[in-house]
Amino acid sequence: MNNQVKFAVIADPHYYSEKLGNSGIAYTMRANSDQKMLAHSKGVIAAALEEIKNSDAEFLLIAGDLTNDGERVSHEEMRHFLYEFKKVKPVFVITATHDWCCDGNPRRFEGAKVYHDVETLKPEELRDYYKDFGPGDAISEYFTHQNKSSYVVRPCEGVSVFCLDDDQDGKGNSGYSEEHFNWIKQEIKNAKERGDLIFGMQHHHVFLTEFDKVINGKGAVERKQKLCEDFADSGLSVMFTGHSHMQHIRRIETEKGNHFYEFNIASIGGYPAPIVYCTLTDKGITAKTEHLKQYEYNGKIYTNEHLKNHATFLFQNVFDAAKENRKLEFITLLVSIGVSNKKAKKLWTFLGGTVKKIAEISVYKAAVVMNRLTFGKAVPKKDAKQLKNVPLTDMIFSAFHSLLDGSIEKHEVGTPYYNVFTSALSLPLRIVKKLRIKNNNIIRILTHLEKASHEIMTGGEIDANDAFLEL
């Protein structure tokens, strides 16, 4: 290997063809309920690939979900972009569940109507469809029961990259069958015998943050933890992943003294639109994240700030609808993200007033209310006073942005902002303990929520936008 190798990684383009609809009520409701950009995805992906072309990266990795929902027309347009990119630099991709529409619900939009008569690619078609972007250059390849492909490439002398398909383990989960993982272990051994430096990419993240653990059950957490340990003890110590659309880096060390880093990269298809530029040496990988600054769509220039605002557009509309007593709009917005009409009406009845209050008050006023309910024990009053001019929705949206971007805006331990936010998120657990509630599942979820507040404020132990990953 040369003294160093430079490459770039992106994840989750979710390319959407405008031929599926880019106007009308149905499309607008769908687009405004998604953190990603849909119709704008052509401009976003084109701008990102152009930036990488002009960088000093020697090759590009794309960690799955190339298309919005596996629509053939989206694949056709995305593949065209990749062929254009390949004229300048190699690109290696893996496909994932959105590339074969795993929920069987592809959509196109006309006016107020949604149609599901959209042709999609089948799992068994994907390997050959994208063979020119990795599989065709593989030195070893494994075919899953879906006829999808994991493969190993050597983009340069002395480097082996493991491009792994972890869509299904044969038991209904993401991951690997025993046979599949045995192939991975053998290929790691082969790469080590060649004297290669190795790292990998797969689509689904395995190292769960505290916030992920709130969402995932205990069984999923334990299964993914074991997979991290298996990778580490097999000799693969760095993995790039996507799927969550939330940027973070985590590290574990096994009982055998081996370590494993997972770099979970947020979606390039929406805020924060990260491009991770990496420098590989025999010591490890230096990874620095840059964010797409701007892109063009229909002759107009949009910035990363536009992507940021779009990510919270739905929430802002829900708050505004509650604030202005627009019941029908409130219900319609919830229905657009999959809540049934019946449940949406109930949520208006029980939560409409609460959401309205949240939309209207400051962090300080919210803290006053919480302290009244807890006899002054919920939130430090002195810290809350310093945030009297901060709208509560600003804190909520800022926390959401931090989940997505790996806490670009950090709040150090002990600052008023940190103290108020973490105190508020720890309150549910404190109440449960005070009331001596013994439900282990509730305690588990609230414990993870409390710990997540620290990660959201500080970005966690490893900076997901500027890090060194030891091989």
Protein backbone atom coordinates (compact mmCIF):
# COMPACT_ATOMS: atom_id res chain seq x y z
CA MET A 1 0.00 0.00 0.00
CA ASN A 2 1.06 3.60 -0.56
CA ASN A 3 1.76 5.68 2.53
CA GLN A 4 -1.88 6.69 2.56
CA VAL A 5 -5.12 6.07 0.66
CA LYS A 6 -7.92 8.62 0.45
CA PHE A 7 -11.55 7.75 -0.12
CA ALA A 8 -15.07 9.10 0.54
CA VAL A 9 -18.16 7.47 2.02
CA ILE A 10 -21.82 8.47 1.76
CA ALA A 11 -24.99 6.66 2.78
CA ASP A 12 -28.71 6.59 2.00
CA PRO A 13 -29.10 8.66 -1.18
CA HIS A 14 -32.75 7.53 -1.48
CA TYR A 15 -32.83 8.83 -5.04
CA TYR A 16 -36.38 9.73 -6.13
CA SER A 17 -37.35 10.13 -9.78
CA GLU A 18 -39.57 13.11 -10.49
CA LYS A 19 -41.40 10.90 -13.00
CA LEU A 20 -43.19 9.48 -9.95
CA GLY A 21 -44.74 12.91 -9.31
CA ASN A 22 -43.46 16.18 -7.92
CA SER A 23 -46.61 18.26 -7.46
CA GLY A 24 -50.16 18.03 -6.18
CA ILE A 25 -51.66 17.51 -2.75
CA ALA A 26 -50.69 13.83 -2.39
CA TYR A 27 -47.06 14.44 -3.33
CA THR A 28 -46.80 17.55 -1.18
CA MET A 29 -48.09 15.73 1.91
CA ARG A 30 -45.63 12.88 1.27
CA ALA A 31 -42.66 15.17 0.63
CA ASN A 32 -43.32 17.39 3.63
CA SER A 33 -43.48 14.42 5.99
CA ASP A 34 -39.99 13.19 5.12
CA GLN A 35 -36.64 14.28 6.55
CA LYS A 36 -35.13 13.60 3.11
CA MET A 37 -35.65 15.73 0.03
CA LEU A 38 -37.65 13.87 -2.63
CA ALA A 39 -38.00 15.81 -5.88
CA HIS A 40 -34.84 17.74 -4.98
CA SER A 41 -32.88 14.51 -4.64
CA LYS A 42 -31.63 14.80 -8.22
CA GLY A 43 -30.02 18.13 -7.42
CA VAL A 44 -28.69 16.99 -4.05
CA ILE A 45 -27.12 13.76 -5.35
CA ALA A 46 -25.67 15.48 -8.43
CA ALA A 47 -24.04 18.17 -6.27
CA ALA A 48 -22.64 15.64 -3.78
CA LEU A 49 -21.13 13.44 -6.50
CA GLU A 50 -19.64 16.49 -8.21
CA GLU A 51 -17.97 17.56 -4.96
CA ILE A 52 -16.47 14.10 -4.50
CA LYS A 53 -15.29 14.02 -8.12
CA ASN A 54 -13.38 17.24 -7.50
CA SER A 55 -11.89 16.08 -4.19
CA ASP A 56 -8.67 14.13 -3.64
CA ALA A 57 -10.64 10.99 -2.74
CA GLU A 58 -9.42 8.06 -4.85
CA PHE A 59 -12.69 6.13 -4.72
CA LEU A 60 -16.22 6.34 -3.29
CA LEU A 61 -18.24 3.95 -1.14
CA ILE A 62 -22.06 4.16 -0.92
CA ALA A 63 -23.60 2.29 2.01
CA GLY A 64 -27.01 1.29 0.67
CA ASP A 65 -30.54 2.57 0.03
CA LEU A 66 -29.58 4.01 -3.33
CA THR A 67 -33.22 4.69 -4.22
CA ASN A 68 -36.32 5.95 -2.45
CA ASP A 69 -38.34 2.73 -2.63
CA GLY A 70 -36.77 0.49 -5.26
CA GLU A 71 -38.67 2.05 -8.18
CA ARG A 72 -37.12 0.95 -11.47
CA VAL A 73 -37.18 4.49 -12.82
CA SER A 74 -35.32 5.75 -9.75
CA HIS A 75 -32.73 2.99 -10.18
CA GLU A 76 -32.30 3.90 -13.85
CA GLU A 77 -31.57 7.54 -13.05
CA MET A 78 -29.35 6.73 -10.07
CA ARG A 79 -27.33 4.25 -12.10
CA HIS A 80 -26.83 6.89 -14.80
CA PHE A 81 -25.26 9.19 -12.18
CA LEU A 82 -22.96 6.36 -11.07
CA TYR A 83 -21.80 5.64 -14.62
CA GLU A 84 -20.97 9.33 -15.05
CA PHE A 85 -19.08 9.31 -11.75
CA LYS A 86 -17.18 6.16 -12.70
CA LYS A 87 -15.69 7.97 -15.70
CA VAL A 88 -13.63 9.89 -13.15
CA LYS A 89 -13.24 7.59 -10.11
CA PRO A 90 -14.20 4.07 -8.99
CA VAL A 91 -17.39 3.73 -6.96
CA PHE A 92 -18.42 0.69 -4.91
CA VAL A 93 -22.01 0.27 -3.71
CA ILE A 94 -24.16 -2.05 -1.70
CA THR A 95 -27.94 -2.16 -1.97
CA ALA A 96 -30.41 -2.42 0.88
CA THR A 97 -34.10 -2.82 1.72
CA HIS A 98 -35.25 0.44 0.08
CA ASP A 99 -33.69 -0.76 -3.16
CA TRP A 100 -36.19 -3.61 -3.44
CA CYS A 101 -39.09 -1.94 -1.62
CA CYS A 102 -39.18 -4.40 1.26
CA ASP A 103 -42.58 -3.15 2.48
CA GLY A 104 -44.18 -3.79 -0.94
CA ASN A 105 -45.58 -0.26 -1.03
CA PRO A 106 -44.06 1.69 -3.97
CA ARG A 107 -45.87 4.93 -4.74
CA ARG A 108 -46.40 7.55 -7.39
CA PHE A 109 -48.47 10.70 -7.04
CA GLU A 110 -51.02 12.46 -9.23
CA GLY A 111 -53.00 15.34 -7.82
CA ALA A 112 -54.74 14.13 -4.66
CA LYS A 113 -54.26 10.43 -5.50
CA VAL A 114 -51.56 7.91 -4.61
CA TYR A 115 -50.98 4.95 -6.95
CA HIS A 116 -49.07 1.76 -6.18
CA ASP A 117 -48.66 0.46 -9.74
CA VAL A 118 -44.96 1.25 -9.77
CA GLU A 119 -42.46 -1.24 -11.20
CA THR A 120 -39.67 -2.06 -8.75
CA LEU A 121 -36.50 -4.10 -8.92
CA LYS A 122 -36.55 -7.48 -7.20
CA PRO A 123 -33.79 -8.42 -4.73
CA GLU A 124 -32.36 -10.99 -7.12
CA GLU A 125 -31.97 -8.35 -9.86
CA LEU A 126 -29.86 -5.92 -7.86
CA ARG A 127 -26.47 -7.63 -7.98
CA ASP A 128 -26.32 -7.71 -11.78
CA TYR A 129 -27.95 -4.30 -12.10
CA TYR A 130 -25.09 -2.73 -10.13
CA LYS A 131 -22.34 -5.19 -11.07
CA ASP A 132 -20.25 -2.40 -12.62
CA PHE A 133 -20.05 -0.67 -9.24
CA GLY A 134 -18.31 -3.31 -7.15
CA PRO A 135 -19.45 -6.90 -7.73
CA GLY A 136 -17.81 -7.04 -11.16
CA ASP A 137 -14.44 -6.16 -9.59
CA ALA A 138 -14.76 -8.52 -6.61
CA ILE A 139 -11.95 -10.87 -5.65
CA SER A 140 -14.48 -12.88 -3.64
CA GLU A 141 -18.26 -12.89 -3.52
CA TYR A 142 -21.02 -14.49 -1.43
CA PHE A 143 -24.63 -14.81 -2.57
CA THR A 144 -27.36 -14.61 0.06
CA HIS A 145 -30.63 -16.57 -0.03
CA GLN A 146 -32.11 -13.52 -1.82
CA ASN A 147 -29.37 -13.81 -4.47
CA LYS A 148 -27.99 -10.49 -3.27
CA SER A 149 -24.26 -10.16 -2.94
CA SER A 150 -21.58 -9.48 -0.36
CA TYR A 151 -18.18 -8.97 -1.93
CA VAL A 152 -14.56 -8.01 -1.29
CA VAL A 153 -12.67 -5.58 -3.50
CA ARG A 154 -9.11 -4.33 -3.54
CA PRO A 155 -9.38 -0.72 -4.76
CA CYS A 156 -5.60 -0.46 -4.50
CA GLU A 157 -2.65 -2.65 -3.53
CA GLY A 158 -2.64 -3.52 0.16
CA VAL A 159 -6.29 -2.64 0.91
CA SER A 160 -9.32 -4.95 1.10
CA VAL A 161 -12.79 -3.44 1.46
CA PHE A 162 -15.63 -5.67 2.65
CA CYS A 163 -18.91 -4.56 1.00
CA LEU A 164 -21.49 -6.56 2.92
CA ASP A 165 -25.17 -7.23 2.30
CA ASP A 166 -26.86 -7.52 5.69
CA ASP A 167 -30.49 -7.17 4.61
CA GLN A 168 -31.56 -10.53 6.02
CA ASP A 169 -30.02 -13.22 8.19
CA GLY A 170 -32.54 -15.87 7.14
CA LYS A 171 -34.41 -15.54 10.46
CA GLY A 172 -36.31 -12.34 9.83
CA ASN A 173 -33.64 -9.94 11.07
CA SER A 174 -30.97 -7.83 9.44
CA GLY A 175 -27.55 -9.45 9.72
CA TYR A 176 -25.90 -12.63 8.51
CA SER A 177 -26.60 -16.35 8.42
CA GLU A 178 -23.98 -18.59 9.99
CA GLU A 179 -22.71 -19.60 6.55
CA HIS A 180 -22.52 -15.97 5.43
CA PHE A 181 -20.55 -14.92 8.50
CA ASN A 182 -18.20 -17.87 8.09
CA TRP A 183 -17.44 -16.57 4.58
CA ILE A 184 -16.73 -13.12 6.07
CA LYS A 185 -14.35 -14.60 8.63
CA GLN A 186 -12.51 -16.62 5.99
CA GLU A 187 -12.12 -13.56 3.76
CA ILE A 188 -10.80 -11.53 6.71
CA LYS A 189 -8.24 -14.27 7.28
CA ASN A 190 -7.32 -14.27 3.57
CA ALA A 191 -6.91 -10.47 3.57
CA LYS A 192 -4.69 -10.60 6.66
CA GLU A 193 -2.54 -13.26 5.01
CA ARG A 194 -2.12 -10.95 2.01
CA GLY A 195 -0.95 -8.29 4.42
CA ASP A 196 -3.88 -6.01 3.52
CA LEU A 197 -5.41 -3.30 5.66
CA ILE A 198 -9.12 -4.03 5.92
CA PHE A 199 -12.36 -2.25 6.75
CA GLY A 200 -15.97 -2.71 5.72
CA MET A 201 -19.35 -1.21 5.00
CA GLN A 202 -22.83 -2.59 5.49
CA HIS A 203 -26.17 -0.80 5.45
CA HIS A 204 -27.75 -1.44 8.84
CA HIS A 205 -26.10 0.00 11.90
CA VAL A 206 -25.18 -2.46 14.62
CA PHE A 207 -23.79 -0.35 17.43
CA LEU A 208 -26.87 1.24 18.97
CA THR A 209 -26.83 4.65 20.62
CA GLU A 210 -28.86 5.18 23.76
CA PHE A 211 -31.58 6.78 21.62
CA ASP A 212 -31.58 3.72 19.31
CA LYS A 213 -32.03 1.54 22.38
CA VAL A 214 -35.20 3.43 23.27
CA ILE A 215 -36.64 2.38 19.90
CA ASN A 216 -35.21 -1.17 19.71
CA GLY A 217 -36.22 -3.99 22.02
CA LYS A 218 -33.87 -5.77 24.38
CA GLY A 219 -33.47 -8.73 22.01
CA ALA A 220 -32.38 -6.52 19.09
CA VAL A 221 -29.92 -4.66 21.30
CA GLU A 222 -28.31 -7.91 22.50
CA ARG A 223 -28.19 -9.40 18.98
CA LYS A 224 -26.51 -6.32 17.53
CA GLN A 225 -24.06 -6.11 20.43
CA LYS A 226 -22.98 -9.68 19.74
CA LEU A 227 -22.45 -8.90 16.04
CA CYS A 228 -20.14 -6.02 16.99
CA GLU A 229 -18.13 -8.39 19.17
CA ASP A 230 -18.03 -11.05 16.44
CA PHE A 231 -16.62 -8.55 13.94
CA ALA A 232 -14.01 -7.37 16.42
CA ASP A 233 -12.89 -10.87 17.37
CA SER A 234 -12.83 -11.92 13.69
CA GLY A 235 -10.35 -9.16 12.90
CA LEU A 236 -12.48 -6.49 11.24
CA SER A 237 -12.26 -3.36 13.38
CA VAL A 238 -13.88 -0.55 11.34
CA MET A 239 -17.32 -0.60 9.70
CA PHE A 240 -19.13 2.21 7.89
CA THR A 241 -22.93 1.96 8.03
CA GLY A 242 -26.08 3.94 7.23
CA HIS A 243 -29.81 3.25 7.67
CA SER A 244 -30.55 5.33 10.79
CA HIS A 245 -30.01 8.72 9.08
CA MET A 246 -28.31 9.70 12.35
CA GLN A 247 -24.58 10.29 12.47
CA HIS A 248 -22.54 8.79 15.29
CA ILE A 249 -19.41 6.77 16.01
CA ARG A 250 -19.21 4.09 18.68
CA ARG A 251 -16.39 1.85 19.88
CA ILE A 252 -16.33 -1.37 21.90
CA GLU A 253 -13.57 -3.57 23.21
CA THR A 254 -14.21 -7.28 23.65
CA GLU A 255 -13.11 -9.55 26.48
CA LYS A 256 -10.38 -10.80 24.13
CA GLY A 257 -8.96 -7.28 23.88
CA ASN A 258 -10.11 -6.59 20.31
CA HIS A 259 -11.88 -3.38 19.34
CA PHE A 260 -14.56 -2.42 16.84
CA TYR A 261 -15.60 1.00 15.55
CA GLU A 262 -18.87 1.63 13.81
CA PHE A 263 -19.23 4.90 11.90
CA ASN A 264 -22.96 5.35 11.29
CA ILE A 265 -23.30 7.99 8.56
CA ALA A 266 -26.40 10.16 8.16
CA SER A 267 -28.30 10.39 4.86
CA ILE A 268 -26.80 12.31 1.95
CA GLY A 269 -30.40 12.69 0.70
CA GLY A 270 -31.39 15.19 3.38
CA TYR A 271 -30.03 17.13 6.31
CA PRO A 272 -27.17 17.05 7.24
CA ALA A 273 -26.10 15.67 3.80
CA PRO A 274 -22.69 14.48 5.03
CA ILE A 275 -19.73 13.41 2.92
CA VAL A 276 -17.13 11.58 5.02
CA TYR A 277 -13.62 12.02 3.65
CA CYS A 278 -11.18 9.41 4.94
CA THR A 279 -7.42 8.97 4.93
CA LEU A 280 -6.25 5.39 5.47
CA THR A 281 -2.77 4.57 6.79
CA ASP A 282 -1.35 1.50 8.49
CA LYS A 283 -2.35 3.10 11.82
CA GLY A 284 -6.00 3.65 11.06
CA ILE A 285 -8.55 5.91 9.36
CA THR A 286 -8.78 9.65 9.87
CA ALA A 287 -12.38 10.58 9.05
CA LYS A 288 -13.54 14.15 8.59
CA THR A 289 -17.09 15.05 7.66
CA GLU A 290 -18.02 17.84 5.29
CA HIS A 291 -21.62 18.79 4.62
CA LEU A 292 -23.07 19.61 1.24
CA LYS A 293 -23.09 23.40 1.18
CA GLN A 294 -25.49 23.93 -1.71
CA TYR A 295 -27.18 22.35 -4.69
CA GLU A 296 -29.23 23.46 -7.68
CA TYR A 297 -32.80 22.49 -8.48
CA ASN A 298 -34.78 23.94 -11.41
CA GLY A 299 -32.28 26.76 -11.80
CA LYS A 300 -32.46 27.84 -8.14
CA ILE A 301 -29.68 27.47 -5.58
CA TYR A 302 -30.54 25.89 -2.21
CA THR A 303 -28.28 25.69 0.84
CA ASN A 304 -27.72 23.19 3.62
CA GLU A 305 -29.86 25.45 5.79
CA HIS A 306 -32.77 24.67 3.47
CA LEU A 307 -32.21 20.96 4.07
CA LYS A 308 -32.11 21.64 7.81
CA ASN A 309 -35.39 23.52 7.77
CA HIS A 310 -37.01 20.81 5.66
CA ALA A 311 -36.04 18.15 8.20
CA THR A 312 -38.26 19.81 10.82
CA PHE A 313 -40.92 21.10 8.42
CA LEU A 314 -43.52 18.52 9.45
CA PHE A 315 -43.00 19.14 13.18
CA GLN A 316 -43.18 22.90 12.70
CA ASN A 317 -46.45 22.53 10.79
CA VAL A 318 -47.92 20.28 13.49
CA PHE A 319 -47.00 22.83 16.16
CA ASP A 320 -48.38 25.71 14.07
CA ALA A 321 -51.63 23.86 13.38
CA ALA A 322 -52.13 23.23 17.11
CA LYS A 323 -51.16 26.79 18.00
CA GLU A 324 -53.72 28.24 15.59
CA ASN A 325 -56.42 25.62 16.36
CA ARG A 326 -56.36 24.20 12.82
CA LYS A 327 -57.72 20.79 13.80
CA LEU A 328 -58.21 19.40 10.29
CA GLU A 329 -54.65 20.32 9.26
CA PHE A 330 -53.25 18.81 12.48
CA ILE A 331 -55.05 15.52 11.77
CA THR A 332 -54.09 15.53 8.07
CA LEU A 333 -50.41 16.02 8.90
CA LEU A 334 -50.41 13.07 11.30
CA VAL A 335 -52.19 10.89 8.75
CA SER A 336 -49.46 11.79 6.21
CA ILE A 337 -46.86 10.00 8.34
CA GLY A 338 -48.94 6.86 8.80
CA VAL A 339 -51.13 7.62 11.83
CA SER A 340 -54.68 6.40 11.24
CA ASN A 341 -57.37 9.03 10.94
CA LYS A 342 -59.07 7.68 14.07
CA LYS A 343 -55.89 7.86 16.15
CA ALA A 344 -55.05 11.30 14.78
CA LYS A 345 -58.43 12.60 15.97
CA LYS A 346 -57.81 11.12 19.41
CA LEU A 347 -54.37 12.71 19.53
CA TRP A 348 -55.95 16.08 18.76
CA THR A 349 -58.39 15.57 21.63
CA PHE A 350 -55.77 14.53 24.17
CA LEU A 351 -52.63 16.29 22.94
CA GLY A 352 -53.77 19.26 20.85
CA GLY A 353 -53.79 21.61 23.83
CA THR A 354 -50.41 20.37 25.07
CA VAL A 355 -48.81 20.77 21.63
CA LYS A 356 -50.26 24.29 21.45
CA LYS A 357 -48.66 25.19 24.79
CA ILE A 358 -45.31 23.78 23.68
CA ALA A 359 -45.50 25.90 20.53
CA GLU A 360 -46.14 29.05 22.53
CA ILE A 361 -43.88 28.96 25.58
CA SER A 362 -40.21 29.48 26.33
CA VAL A 363 -37.82 26.96 27.87
CA TYR A 364 -38.00 28.93 31.13
CA LYS A 365 -41.81 28.85 31.29
CA ALA A 366 -41.80 25.12 30.56
CA ALA A 367 -39.30 24.64 33.39
CA VAL A 368 -41.55 26.65 35.75
CA VAL A 369 -44.47 24.34 34.94
CA MET A 370 -42.35 21.23 35.45
CA ASN A 371 -41.04 22.55 38.76
CA ARG A 372 -44.54 23.30 40.00
CA LEU A 373 -45.52 19.72 39.31
CA THR A 374 -42.43 18.37 41.08
CA PHE A 375 -42.15 20.86 43.95
CA GLY A 376 -39.13 22.55 42.40
CA LYS A 377 -37.14 19.37 41.79
CA ALA A 378 -37.41 18.93 38.00
CA VAL A 379 -35.16 21.59 36.46
CA PRO A 380 -32.47 23.86 38.01
CA LYS A 381 -34.25 27.22 38.30
CA LYS A 382 -31.06 29.31 37.96
CA ASP A 383 -30.15 27.60 34.70
CA ALA A 384 -33.70 27.83 33.34
CA LYS A 385 -33.76 31.61 33.94
CA GLN A 386 -30.83 32.02 31.57
CA LEU A 387 -32.95 30.47 28.81
CA LYS A 388 -36.02 32.68 29.27
CA ASN A 389 -35.74 34.00 25.70
CA VAL A 390 -35.30 30.57 24.10
CA PRO A 391 -38.54 29.15 22.64
CA LEU A 392 -39.14 25.58 23.75
CA THR A 393 -39.59 24.50 20.12
CA ASP A 394 -36.08 25.81 19.34
CA MET A 395 -34.64 23.43 21.94
CA ILE A 396 -36.72 20.55 20.61
CA PHE A 397 -35.69 21.16 16.99
CA SER A 398 -32.06 21.68 17.97
CA ALA A 399 -32.05 18.29 19.73
CA PHE A 400 -33.54 16.67 16.61
CA HIS A 401 -30.85 18.26 14.43
CA SER A 402 -28.18 16.98 16.82
CA LEU A 403 -29.51 13.44 16.48
CA LEU A 404 -29.14 13.72 12.71
CA ASP A 405 -25.82 15.56 12.46
CA GLY A 406 -23.83 14.05 15.34
CA SER A 407 -24.15 17.19 17.46
CA ILE A 408 -22.39 19.77 15.32
CA GLU A 409 -23.65 22.24 17.90
CA LYS A 410 -22.33 20.90 21.20
CA HIS A 411 -23.39 21.89 24.72
CA GLU A 412 -20.80 21.11 27.35
CA VAL A 413 -21.60 19.42 30.65
CA GLY A 414 -22.53 21.98 33.28
CA THR A 415 -23.79 24.71 30.96
CA PRO A 416 -27.36 25.98 31.54
CA TYR A 417 -28.54 24.51 28.23
CA TYR A 418 -27.08 21.09 29.07
CA ASN A 419 -28.43 21.12 32.62
CA VAL A 420 -31.99 22.07 31.64
CA PHE A 421 -32.23 19.62 28.74
CA THR A 422 -30.78 16.62 30.57
CA SER A 423 -32.83 17.37 33.71
CA ALA A 424 -36.04 17.44 31.66
CA LEU A 425 -35.28 14.13 29.92
CA SER A 426 -34.33 12.45 33.18
CA LEU A 427 -37.59 13.48 34.86
CA PRO A 428 -39.73 10.53 33.62
CA LEU A 429 -37.25 8.03 35.10
CA ARG A 430 -37.09 9.92 38.36
CA ILE A 431 -40.89 9.88 38.60
CA VAL A 432 -41.06 6.15 37.89
CA LYS A 433 -38.47 5.47 40.59
CA LYS A 434 -40.22 7.77 43.05
CA LEU A 435 -43.51 5.97 42.49
CA ARG A 436 -41.69 2.61 42.85
CA ILE A 437 -43.00 1.36 39.52
CA LYS A 438 -41.45 -2.06 38.86
CA ASN A 439 -42.11 -2.43 35.12
CA ASN A 440 -38.66 -3.41 33.81
CA ASN A 441 -39.43 -2.47 30.21
CA ILE A 442 -40.51 1.05 31.14
CA ILE A 443 -37.45 1.47 33.37
CA ARG A 444 -35.18 0.21 30.56
CA ILE A 445 -36.63 2.66 28.01
CA LEU A 446 -36.52 5.64 30.37
CA THR A 447 -32.95 4.81 31.43
CA HIS A 448 -31.83 4.85 27.81
CA LEU A 449 -33.74 8.11 27.27
CA GLU A 450 -31.92 9.70 30.21
CA LYS A 451 -28.53 8.57 28.88
CA ALA A 452 -29.47 9.71 25.35
CA SER A 453 -29.84 13.28 26.58
CA HIS A 454 -26.10 13.42 27.34
CA GLU A 455 -25.21 12.07 23.88
CA ILE A 456 -27.55 14.55 22.17
CA MET A 457 -26.02 17.51 23.99
CA THR A 458 -22.35 16.55 23.69
CA GLY A 459 -22.16 14.28 20.64
CA GLY A 460 -20.97 11.36 22.73
CA GLU A 461 -17.51 10.03 23.45
CA ILE A 462 -16.25 10.23 19.84
CA ASP A 463 -16.79 13.23 17.57
CA ALA A 464 -18.75 11.89 14.60
CA ASN A 465 -17.56 14.74 12.39
CA ASP A 466 -13.82 14.54 13.08
CA ALA A 467 -12.38 11.26 14.31
CA PHE A 468 -9.53 8.77 14.16
CA LEU A 469 -10.50 5.09 13.89
CA GLU A 470 -7.71 2.75 14.92
CA LEU A 471 -7.27 -0.38 12.80
